[in-house]
C-alpha cells in the first residue's frame, strides 16, 4: 500500500511497493514540487533500484559491455493551470 509523507521542505515522499518479475520491495521516492512562474506545479523525482534485488540479472552486450545493476527512473510531470479535467475511459 502506498503512503505519502508531506513532512519535507521541498515536496513529499511517496512510500510504495515496487514489483518487478514477481518480487516486490519497499521504495521511498522523494518528489520535489516547485511552483513555476506560470502557476503550474512540477512534480519531479528519481527512483534508483538494483535489478538483482528483483531477480533480474544485468545483461551484457555482445559479451563486451556489461549493463550496470543499478537502474534509475527519473520523472518530471508538470500540471497545466486551467486544463480540461480528465474523464475515465469507457470500454
C-alpha atoms as a PDB file:
ATOM      1  CA  UNK A   1       0.000   0.000   0.000  1.00  0.00           C
ATOM      2  CA  UNK A   2       1.319   3.444  -0.912  1.00  0.00           C
ATOM      3  CA  UNK A   3       1.621   6.315   1.528  1.00  0.00           C
ATOM      4  CA  UNK A   4       2.678   9.941   1.199  1.00  0.00           C
ATOM      5  CA  UNK A   5       4.807  11.773   3.767  1.00  0.00           C
ATOM      6  CA  UNK A   6       4.349  15.527   3.377  1.00  0.00           C
ATOM      7  CA  UNK A   7       6.858  16.436   6.069  1.00  0.00           C
ATOM      8  CA  UNK A   8       9.584  17.601   3.691  1.00  0.00           C
ATOM      9  CA  UNK A   9      10.835  21.069   2.797  1.00  0.00           C
ATOM     10  CA  UNK A  10      10.632  20.826  -0.998  1.00  0.00           C
ATOM     11  CA  UNK A  11       7.778  18.398  -1.605  1.00  0.00           C
ATOM     12  CA  UNK A  12       6.852  14.980  -0.310  1.00  0.00           C
ATOM     13  CA  UNK A  13       7.950  11.346  -0.192  1.00  0.00           C
ATOM     14  CA  UNK A  14       5.914   8.553  -1.768  1.00  0.00           C
ATOM     15  CA  UNK A  15       6.334   5.230   0.032  1.00  0.00           C
ATOM     16  CA  UNK A  16       5.210   2.258  -2.039  1.00  0.00           C
ATOM     17  CA  UNK A  17       5.949  -1.301  -3.126  1.00  0.00           C
ATOM     18  CA  UNK A  18       7.795  -1.763  -6.413  1.00  0.00           C
ATOM     19  CA  UNK A  19       7.101  -5.097  -8.088  1.00  0.00           C
ATOM     20  CA  UNK A  20       9.365  -6.487 -10.810  1.00  0.00           C
ATOM     21  CA  UNK A  21       9.466 -10.079 -12.066  1.00  0.00           C
ATOM     22  CA  UNK A  22       7.203 -11.310  -9.256  1.00  0.00           C
ATOM     23  CA  UNK A  23       9.326  -9.789  -6.462  1.00  0.00           C
ATOM     24  CA  UNK A  24       8.391  -6.712  -4.504  1.00  0.00           C
ATOM     25  CA  UNK A  25      10.290  -4.309  -2.315  1.00  0.00           C
ATOM     26  CA  UNK A  26       9.571  -1.081  -0.498  1.00  0.00           C
ATOM     27  CA  UNK A  27      10.710   2.129  -2.168  1.00  0.00           C
ATOM     28  CA  UNK A  28      10.772   5.714  -0.929  1.00  0.00           C
ATOM     29  CA  UNK A  29      10.616   8.248  -3.762  1.00  0.00           C
ATOM     30  CA  UNK A  30      11.323  11.900  -2.904  1.00  0.00           C
ATOM     31  CA  UNK A  31       9.137  14.147  -5.080  1.00  0.00           C
ATOM     32  CA  UNK A  32      10.022  17.811  -5.499  1.00  0.00           C
ATOM     33  CA  UNK A  33       7.148  20.202  -6.150  1.00  0.00           C
ATOM     34  CA  UNK A  34       8.308  23.690  -7.113  1.00  0.00           C
ATOM     35  CA  UNK A  35       5.679  26.137  -8.327  1.00  0.00           C
ATOM     36  CA  UNK A  36       6.601  27.586 -11.707  1.00  0.00           C
ATOM     37  CA  UNK A  37       6.221  31.218 -12.810  1.00  0.00           C
ATOM     38  CA  UNK A  38       3.245  30.205 -14.975  1.00  0.00           C
ATOM     39  CA  UNK A  39       1.353  28.985 -11.893  1.00  0.00           C
ATOM     40  CA  UNK A  40       1.911  25.366 -12.859  1.00  0.00           C
ATOM     41  CA  UNK A  41       3.383  22.870 -10.425  1.00  0.00           C
ATOM     42  CA  UNK A  42       6.180  20.488 -11.342  1.00  0.00           C
ATOM     43  CA  UNK A  43       6.411  17.029  -9.773  1.00  0.00           C
ATOM     44  CA  UNK A  44       9.884  15.579 -10.291  1.00  0.00           C
ATOM     45  CA  UNK A  45      11.920  12.841  -8.720  1.00  0.00           C
ATOM     46  CA  UNK A  46      14.127   9.830  -9.168  1.00  0.00           C
ATOM     47  CA  UNK A  47      13.922   6.216  -8.053  1.00  0.00           C
ATOM     48  CA  UNK A  48      17.027   4.008  -8.121  1.00  0.00           C
ATOM     49  CA  UNK A  49      16.936   0.262  -7.530  1.00  0.00           C
ATOM     50  CA  UNK A  50      19.177  -2.730  -8.197  1.00  0.00           C
ATOM     51  CA  UNK A  51      17.946  -5.163 -10.814  1.00  0.00           C
ATOM     52  CA  UNK A  52      19.364  -8.087  -8.818  1.00  0.00           C
ATOM     53  CA  UNK A  53      17.057  -7.225  -5.890  1.00  0.00           C
ATOM     54  CA  UNK A  54      14.156  -8.202  -8.167  1.00  0.00           C
ATOM     55  CA  UNK A  55      15.645 -11.365  -9.650  1.00  0.00           C
ATOM     56  CA  UNK A  56      16.870  -9.655 -12.809  1.00  0.00           C
ATOM     57  CA  UNK A  57      20.398 -10.459 -13.919  1.00  0.00           C
ATOM     58  CA  UNK A  58      22.060  -7.478 -15.620  1.00  0.00           C
ATOM     59  CA  UNK A  59      22.779  -8.342 -19.243  1.00  0.00           C
ATOM     60  CA  UNK A  60      25.995  -7.888 -21.141  1.00  0.00           C
ATOM     61  CA  UNK A  61      26.028  -6.595 -24.689  1.00  0.00           C
ATOM     62  CA  UNK A  62      27.937  -8.932 -27.026  1.00  0.00           C
ATOM     63  CA  UNK A  63      29.963 -10.066 -24.010  1.00  0.00           C
ATOM     64  CA  UNK A  64      31.866  -6.773 -24.153  1.00  0.00           C
ATOM     65  CA  UNK A  65      29.768  -4.138 -22.366  1.00  0.00           C
ATOM     66  CA  UNK A  66      28.202  -5.103 -19.044  1.00  0.00           C
ATOM     67  CA  UNK A  67      24.996  -3.317 -18.055  1.00  0.00           C
ATOM     68  CA  UNK A  68      25.132  -1.893 -14.523  1.00  0.00           C
ATOM     69  CA  UNK A  69      22.974  -3.435 -11.774  1.00  0.00           C
ATOM     70  CA  UNK A  70      21.510  -0.121 -10.531  1.00  0.00           C
ATOM     71  CA  UNK A  71      18.685   1.335 -12.637  1.00  0.00           C
ATOM     72  CA  UNK A  72      17.454   4.919 -12.296  1.00  0.00           C
ATOM     73  CA  UNK A  73      13.954   6.029 -13.249  1.00  0.00           C
ATOM     74  CA  UNK A  74      13.542   9.807 -13.469  1.00  0.00           C
ATOM     75  CA  UNK A  75      10.285  11.674 -13.961  1.00  0.00           C
ATOM     76  CA  UNK A  76       9.094  15.249 -14.391  1.00  0.00           C
ATOM     77  CA  UNK A  77       5.362  15.909 -14.551  1.00  0.00           C
ATOM     78  CA  UNK A  78       4.042  19.452 -14.994  1.00  0.00           C
ATOM     79  CA  UNK A  79       0.464  20.496 -14.307  1.00  0.00           C
ATOM     80  CA  UNK A  80      -1.225  22.960 -16.635  1.00  0.00           C
ATOM     81  CA  UNK A  81      -3.442  25.518 -14.874  1.00  0.00           C
ATOM     82  CA  UNK A  82      -6.933  25.636 -16.362  1.00  0.00           C
ATOM     83  CA  UNK A  83      -6.511  22.420 -18.354  1.00  0.00           C
ATOM     84  CA  UNK A  84      -9.576  20.294 -19.008  1.00  0.00           C
ATOM     85  CA  UNK A  85     -10.355  17.704 -16.380  1.00  0.00           C
ATOM     86  CA  UNK A  86      -9.574  14.110 -17.262  1.00  0.00           C
ATOM     87  CA  UNK A  87     -12.500  11.768 -17.739  1.00  0.00           C
ATOM     88  CA  UNK A  88     -12.452   7.994 -17.285  1.00  0.00           C
ATOM     89  CA  UNK A  89     -12.161   5.925 -20.431  1.00  0.00           C
ATOM     90  CA  UNK A  90     -15.112   3.703 -21.186  1.00  0.00           C
ATOM     91  CA  UNK A  91     -14.635   0.199 -22.558  1.00  0.00           C
END
